[in-house]
């Protein structure tokens, strides 16, 4: 039985706690949040104790620390927990910047503990179907990806922590856009270069509310990615085009709409392709599947998705994008990223 401590009792921490508490191989035993009332409420739901500080939690007899905080605390807490001998599941994007992310990855490698970063979108059934179709070669060699992800914020969004660079590190690209980069890399492999625009169209904030990126592989495959805080109706859509057809995944359940996948096979004679649609339940099991994948990895039964080194590569592409947008040029993988 894995003993689990949760740092952060907000929306994500509550979701992680519920998932770990429900799994037969793990038990939530300790919770910390800077807001004591939130920690106490969540602890009561899980039958856990409350830590007086994050230091107390990290020093406790735990196997796993789950770090579900604002971006500014992700890497420091993860780094300390790893060096204290805990395995860590850290929410994406792993930190505010490359320096923080690199420190966490180095701590995992130094301690021999597992660092997994919470890119749960890989576990959605429509995305799993999309990946299965692509890797099986059902639509031929892959040509390009077009992906969009966004919402419209809410009144006062410009005053929330996600728009504060001291807490968040960046804007919508580090928020939802990180998922798109993670998925595109998972499908196409590593990129060779990136160009794009980071824009603040609407929200009065010092970070981007829209990111428009073109990521290109060494063999010429293109991923066109758009992450937006001015997508007034919530949207999640990933489309992959191959020589012999296409596959798309849409929706995440809830406000993002029903989850479904469509596979289309190009008609060699022209005209509309033959297509097949797969509809999935509104129930979001991605968190449960991600946690199970993490535990299998700890047991030596496989390699979990989005380990620290892979998540660091995603962060590196985020910062290559930021440089490309700031300098109005294409930035290649081999360029130094001393930032």
Protein backbone atom coordinates (compact mmCIF):
# COMPACT_ATOMS: atom_id res chain seq x y z
CA UNK A 1 0.00 0.00 0.00
CA UNK A 2 1.50 3.33 -1.09
CA UNK A 3 1.18 6.08 1.52
CA UNK A 4 0.38 9.37 -0.21
CA UNK A 5 0.71 12.97 0.89
CA UNK A 6 -1.05 15.79 -0.97
CA UNK A 7 0.36 19.32 -1.08
CA UNK A 8 -2.43 21.64 -2.18
CA UNK A 9 -6.11 21.18 -1.34
CA UNK A 10 -7.55 23.22 -4.19
CA UNK A 11 -9.44 21.86 -7.21
CA UNK A 12 -6.53 19.79 -8.55
CA UNK A 13 -5.43 18.57 -5.13
CA UNK A 14 -8.95 17.43 -4.34
CA UNK A 15 -9.15 15.56 -7.62
CA UNK A 16 -5.79 13.87 -7.04
CA UNK A 17 -6.73 12.99 -3.47
CA UNK A 18 -10.02 11.40 -4.53
CA UNK A 19 -8.25 9.33 -7.18
CA UNK A 20 -5.48 8.12 -4.87
CA UNK A 21 -7.96 7.44 -2.06
CA UNK A 22 -10.13 5.28 -4.35
CA UNK A 23 -7.28 3.13 -5.69
CA UNK A 24 -6.83 -0.19 -3.84
CA UNK A 25 -3.02 0.15 -3.82
CA UNK A 26 -2.76 3.65 -2.35
CA UNK A 27 -4.03 5.57 0.66
CA UNK A 28 -3.99 9.31 1.31
CA UNK A 29 -2.55 9.72 4.79
CA UNK A 30 -1.45 13.36 5.04
CA UNK A 31 -2.53 16.69 3.51
CA UNK A 32 -1.10 20.19 3.61
CA UNK A 33 -2.45 23.45 2.28
CA UNK A 34 -1.54 26.99 3.30
CA UNK A 35 -5.27 27.44 3.88
CA UNK A 36 -5.77 25.25 6.94
CA UNK A 37 -9.53 25.00 6.55
CA UNK A 38 -9.22 23.60 3.02
CA UNK A 39 -6.67 21.03 4.19
CA UNK A 40 -8.88 19.99 7.11
CA UNK A 41 -11.95 19.58 4.90
CA UNK A 42 -10.10 17.40 2.39
CA UNK A 43 -8.41 15.39 5.11
CA UNK A 44 -11.80 14.60 6.67
CA UNK A 45 -13.05 13.31 3.31
CA UNK A 46 -10.02 11.00 2.92
CA UNK A 47 -9.58 9.95 6.53
CA UNK A 48 -6.14 11.61 6.49
CA UNK A 49 -4.22 13.78 8.92
CA UNK A 50 -3.33 17.43 8.37
CA UNK A 51 0.31 18.55 8.27
CA UNK A 52 1.18 21.86 9.89
CA UNK A 53 3.64 22.70 7.09
CA UNK A 54 4.87 21.39 3.78
CA UNK A 55 8.17 20.57 5.52
CA UNK A 56 6.31 18.33 7.97
CA UNK A 57 4.58 16.55 5.11
CA UNK A 58 7.79 15.99 3.17
CA UNK A 59 9.56 14.64 6.27
CA UNK A 60 6.72 12.23 7.07
CA UNK A 61 6.63 8.49 6.41
CA UNK A 62 5.25 8.66 2.86
CA UNK A 63 5.93 6.87 -0.40
CA UNK A 64 4.46 9.48 -2.74
CA UNK A 65 4.04 13.24 -2.65
CA UNK A 66 1.47 14.79 -4.97
CA UNK A 67 2.20 18.46 -5.65
CA UNK A 68 -0.90 20.39 -6.75
CA UNK A 69 -0.07 24.04 -6.14
CA UNK A 70 0.30 27.23 -8.14
CA UNK A 71 3.19 27.10 -10.62
CA UNK A 72 5.64 28.98 -8.40
CA UNK A 73 5.63 26.22 -5.77
CA UNK A 74 5.56 23.15 -8.04
CA UNK A 75 9.28 22.68 -8.65
CA UNK A 76 10.63 23.72 -5.21
CA UNK A 77 8.30 21.35 -3.36
CA UNK A 78 8.84 18.53 -5.87
CA UNK A 79 12.62 18.95 -5.68
CA UNK A 80 12.63 18.81 -1.87
CA UNK A 81 10.30 15.79 -1.79
CA UNK A 82 12.39 13.87 -4.32
CA UNK A 83 15.60 14.51 -2.39
CA UNK A 84 13.77 13.32 0.75
CA UNK A 85 13.17 9.96 -0.96
CA UNK A 86 9.57 10.40 -2.10
CA UNK A 87 8.21 9.59 -5.53
CA UNK A 88 6.43 12.63 -6.91
CA UNK A 89 3.45 13.31 -9.11
CA UNK A 90 3.66 17.01 -9.93
CA UNK A 91 1.04 18.98 -11.81
CA UNK A 92 2.06 20.31 -15.19
CA UNK A 93 3.97 22.28 -16.36
CA UNK A 94 6.46 21.34 -13.55
CA UNK A 95 7.50 24.91 -12.80
CA UNK A 96 7.46 28.52 -13.91
CA UNK A 97 10.60 28.29 -16.02
CA UNK A 98 13.36 26.04 -17.28
CA UNK A 99 15.64 26.54 -14.31
CA UNK A 100 12.98 25.29 -11.89
CA UNK A 101 12.01 22.35 -14.10
CA UNK A 102 15.65 21.33 -14.54
CA UNK A 103 16.19 21.37 -10.78
CA UNK A 104 13.27 18.99 -10.24
CA UNK A 105 14.44 16.61 -12.95
CA UNK A 106 17.98 16.64 -11.56
CA UNK A 107 16.61 15.84 -8.10
CA UNK A 108 14.75 12.83 -9.48
CA UNK A 109 17.87 11.55 -11.21
CA UNK A 110 20.02 12.15 -8.12
CA UNK A 111 17.60 10.44 -5.75
CA UNK A 112 16.56 7.58 -8.01
CA UNK A 113 12.91 8.43 -7.35
CA UNK A 114 10.18 8.65 -10.00
CA UNK A 115 9.02 12.12 -11.07
CA UNK A 116 5.83 12.07 -13.15
CA UNK A 117 4.17 15.24 -14.44
CA UNK A 118 0.38 15.46 -14.66
CA UNK A 119 -0.42 15.47 -18.36
CA UNK A 120 -3.71 13.63 -17.88
CA UNK A 121 -5.04 14.41 -21.37
CA UNK A 122 -3.09 11.46 -22.79
CA UNK A 123 -5.46 9.18 -20.85
CA UNK A 124 -8.73 10.46 -22.33
CA UNK A 125 -10.32 7.68 -24.44
CA UNK A 126 -10.67 9.80 -27.58
CA UNK A 127 -6.99 10.76 -27.37
CA UNK A 128 -6.08 7.13 -26.72
CA UNK A 129 -8.04 6.16 -29.84
CA UNK A 130 -6.33 8.89 -31.85
CA UNK A 131 -2.89 7.71 -30.72
CA UNK A 132 -3.76 4.08 -31.45
CA UNK A 133 -4.87 4.92 -35.01
CA UNK A 134 -1.74 6.97 -35.68
CA UNK A 135 0.77 4.49 -34.27
CA UNK A 136 -0.89 1.56 -36.05
CA UNK A 137 -0.42 3.33 -39.39
CA UNK A 138 -4.16 3.30 -40.15
CA UNK A 139 -4.00 6.74 -41.80
CA UNK A 140 -0.56 6.29 -43.34
CA UNK A 141 2.49 8.46 -42.64
CA UNK A 142 1.50 11.48 -40.56
CA UNK A 143 1.57 14.87 -42.30
CA UNK A 144 0.29 17.45 -39.84
CA UNK A 145 -1.62 18.25 -36.65
CA UNK A 146 -4.11 21.02 -36.03
CA UNK A 147 -5.02 21.45 -32.37
CA UNK A 148 -7.06 24.03 -30.47
CA UNK A 149 -7.74 24.36 -26.76
CA UNK A 150 -9.29 27.20 -24.87
CA UNK A 151 -11.90 28.86 -22.70
CA UNK A 152 -13.05 32.40 -22.06
CA UNK A 153 -12.00 33.02 -18.48
CA UNK A 154 -14.50 34.66 -16.13
CA UNK A 155 -15.06 38.14 -14.70
CA UNK A 156 -11.92 39.20 -12.85
CA UNK A 157 -9.73 36.59 -14.56
CA UNK A 158 -7.01 39.19 -15.08
CA UNK A 159 -6.57 39.35 -11.30
CA UNK A 160 -6.23 35.60 -10.74
CA UNK A 161 -2.89 33.88 -10.16
CA UNK A 162 -2.71 32.40 -13.68
CA UNK A 163 -2.25 35.90 -15.12
CA UNK A 164 0.46 36.85 -12.59
CA UNK A 165 3.90 36.04 -14.07
CA UNK A 166 5.44 35.83 -10.58
CA UNK A 167 3.15 32.92 -9.76
CA UNK A 168 2.42 31.41 -13.17
CA UNK A 169 5.61 32.04 -15.14
CA UNK A 170 3.66 32.58 -18.34
CA UNK A 171 0.15 32.76 -19.68
CA UNK A 172 -2.14 30.49 -21.68
CA UNK A 173 0.72 28.61 -23.34
CA UNK A 174 1.98 27.38 -19.94
CA UNK A 175 -1.61 26.71 -18.90
CA UNK A 176 -3.58 24.77 -21.52
CA UNK A 177 -1.05 25.08 -24.33
CA UNK A 178 1.37 22.78 -22.49
CA UNK A 179 -1.10 19.93 -23.03
CA UNK A 180 -1.15 20.57 -26.78
CA UNK A 181 2.64 20.53 -27.04
CA UNK A 182 2.80 17.34 -24.96
CA UNK A 183 0.26 15.62 -27.21
CA UNK A 184 1.88 16.81 -30.45
CA UNK A 185 5.29 15.53 -29.33
CA UNK A 186 3.71 12.22 -28.30
CA UNK A 187 2.31 11.79 -31.82
CA UNK A 188 5.07 13.22 -34.02
CA UNK A 189 8.19 12.86 -31.91
CA UNK A 190 10.52 15.75 -31.18
CA UNK A 191 10.40 18.98 -33.16
CA UNK A 192 13.20 20.71 -35.01
CA UNK A 193 11.98 24.32 -34.90
CA UNK A 194 9.14 26.60 -33.85
CA UNK A 195 7.74 29.98 -34.74
CA UNK A 196 4.62 31.80 -33.64
CA UNK A 197 2.95 34.64 -31.82
CA UNK A 198 2.16 35.22 -28.15
CA UNK A 199 -0.60 37.82 -27.97
CA UNK A 200 -2.67 39.57 -25.31
CA UNK A 201 -5.90 40.30 -27.15
CA UNK A 202 -8.41 40.89 -24.37
CA UNK A 203 -7.37 40.35 -20.77
CA UNK A 204 -5.52 43.24 -19.13
CA UNK A 205 -2.62 41.10 -17.96
CA UNK A 206 1.18 40.93 -18.44
CA UNK A 207 1.00 37.42 -19.96
CA UNK A 208 -0.35 36.07 -23.24
CA UNK A 209 -4.03 35.20 -23.50
CA UNK A 210 -3.48 33.58 -26.91
CA UNK A 211 -0.58 31.55 -28.28
CA UNK A 212 -0.38 30.64 -31.98
CA UNK A 213 2.44 28.20 -32.66
CA UNK A 214 3.83 26.35 -35.68
CA UNK A 215 6.07 23.48 -34.64
CA UNK A 216 7.97 21.60 -37.36
CA UNK A 217 9.75 18.23 -37.20
CA UNK A 218 13.01 17.49 -39.00
CA UNK A 219 11.05 15.61 -41.69
CA UNK A 220 8.63 18.50 -42.33
CA UNK A 221 5.56 17.51 -40.30
CA UNK A 222 3.75 20.56 -38.97
CA UNK A 223 1.83 20.97 -35.70
CA UNK A 224 -0.37 24.07 -35.73
CA UNK A 225 -1.34 24.75 -32.11
CA UNK A 226 -3.63 27.47 -30.76
CA UNK A 227 -4.25 27.93 -27.03
CA UNK A 228 -6.70 30.65 -26.10
CA UNK A 229 -8.28 32.48 -23.19
CA UNK A 230 -10.62 34.22 -25.65
CA UNK A 231 -12.29 31.00 -26.79
CA UNK A 232 -15.60 32.13 -25.33
CA UNK A 233 -17.18 28.70 -25.70
CA UNK A 234 -14.91 26.01 -24.21
CA UNK A 235 -13.17 23.98 -26.90
CA UNK A 236 -10.77 21.04 -27.14
CA UNK A 237 -9.94 19.66 -30.57
CA UNK A 238 -6.98 17.67 -31.92
CA UNK A 239 -6.94 16.71 -35.61
CA UNK A 240 -4.22 14.57 -37.20
CA UNK A 241 -3.88 14.27 -40.96
CA UNK A 242 -2.08 11.42 -42.68
CA UNK A 243 -1.43 10.39 -46.26
CA UNK A 244 -4.39 7.98 -46.21
CA UNK A 245 -6.87 9.70 -43.92
CA UNK A 246 -7.38 11.61 -40.71
CA UNK A 247 -8.35 11.14 -37.07
CA UNK A 248 -9.72 13.77 -34.71
CA UNK A 249 -10.55 13.88 -31.03
CA UNK A 250 -12.92 16.47 -29.61
CA UNK A 251 -14.38 17.29 -26.22
CA UNK A 252 -13.25 16.46 -22.71
CA UNK A 253 -16.69 16.05 -21.17
CA UNK A 254 -18.34 18.67 -19.00
CA UNK A 255 -18.09 22.24 -20.31
CA UNK A 256 -15.88 21.05 -23.17
CA UNK A 257 -18.64 18.91 -24.63
CA UNK A 258 -19.05 15.17 -25.19
CA UNK A 259 -15.87 13.27 -25.92
CA UNK A 260 -15.63 11.59 -29.31
CA UNK A 261 -13.18 10.46 -31.95
CA UNK A 262 -13.68 10.30 -35.71
CA UNK A 263 -11.50 8.29 -38.07
CA UNK A 264 -11.72 9.14 -41.77
CA UNK A 265 -10.15 7.17 -44.58
CA UNK A 266 -9.37 9.04 -47.78
CA UNK A 267 -11.21 7.92 -50.90
CA UNK A 268 -8.57 7.40 -53.66
CA UNK A 269 -11.22 8.34 -56.26
CA UNK A 270 -11.92 11.61 -54.47
CA UNK A 271 -15.05 12.79 -52.73
CA UNK A 272 -16.02 12.42 -49.10
CA UNK A 273 -13.94 9.99 -47.06
CA UNK A 274 -15.38 6.98 -45.31
CA UNK A 275 -15.60 7.82 -41.61
CA UNK A 276 -16.23 6.02 -38.35
CA UNK A 277 -17.27 7.77 -35.13
CA UNK A 278 -16.58 6.68 -31.56
CA UNK A 279 -18.54 8.27 -28.71
CA UNK A 280 -17.41 8.09 -25.12
CA UNK A 281 -19.10 8.55 -21.76
CA UNK A 282 -19.15 11.96 -20.14
CA UNK A 283 -17.39 10.42 -17.15
CA UNK A 284 -13.75 11.59 -17.08
CA UNK A 285 -11.60 8.62 -16.08
CA UNK A 286 -8.31 10.20 -17.20
CA UNK A 287 -7.24 10.97 -13.62
CA UNK A 288 -7.91 7.39 -12.51
CA UNK A 289 -6.03 5.94 -15.50
CA UNK A 290 -3.12 8.32 -15.00
CA UNK A 291 -2.78 7.35 -11.34
CA UNK A 292 -2.89 3.64 -12.21
CA UNK A 293 -0.18 4.20 -14.82
CA UNK A 294 1.96 5.97 -12.22
CA UNK A 295 1.60 3.14 -9.72
CA UNK A 296 2.40 0.52 -12.36
CA UNK A 297 5.60 2.40 -13.07
CA UNK A 298 6.54 2.46 -9.39
CA UNK A 299 5.99 -1.31 -9.29
CA UNK A 300 8.30 -1.78 -12.28
CA UNK A 301 5.49 -2.89 -14.56
CA UNK A 302 6.00 -0.24 -17.26
CA UNK A 303 7.18 3.28 -17.95
CA UNK A 304 4.59 5.94 -17.12
CA UNK A 305 3.79 8.69 -19.57
CA UNK A 306 5.25 12.17 -19.08
CA UNK A 307 8.13 11.45 -16.76
CA UNK A 308 10.20 14.40 -15.63
CA UNK A 309 12.69 14.40 -18.50
CA UNK A 310 9.92 14.28 -21.10
CA UNK A 311 8.01 17.06 -19.36
CA UNK A 312 11.21 19.14 -19.28
CA UNK A 313 11.46 18.75 -23.07
CA UNK A 314 7.91 20.10 -23.36
CA UNK A 315 8.90 23.06 -21.19
CA UNK A 316 11.92 23.67 -23.42
CA UNK A 317 9.64 23.93 -26.45
CA UNK A 318 7.41 26.37 -24.58
CA UNK A 319 10.41 28.61 -23.99
CA UNK A 320 11.64 28.23 -27.56
CA UNK A 321 8.20 29.43 -28.58
CA UNK A 322 8.43 32.41 -26.23
CA UNK A 323 11.81 33.34 -27.75
CA UNK A 324 10.47 32.91 -31.28
CA UNK A 325 7.51 35.16 -30.51
CA UNK A 326 9.65 37.80 -28.80
CA UNK A 327 12.31 37.87 -31.53
CA UNK A 328 9.88 37.38 -34.43
CA UNK A 329 11.77 34.49 -35.98
CA UNK A 330 12.00 30.72 -36.09
CA UNK A 331 13.93 29.10 -33.21
CA UNK A 332 15.65 25.78 -33.76
CA UNK A 333 16.12 22.95 -31.28
CA UNK A 334 19.93 23.24 -31.22
CA UNK A 335 19.89 26.86 -30.03
CA UNK A 336 21.01 27.44 -26.45
CA UNK A 337 18.27 27.83 -23.85
CA UNK A 338 20.08 29.50 -20.96
CA UNK A 339 17.00 30.93 -19.29
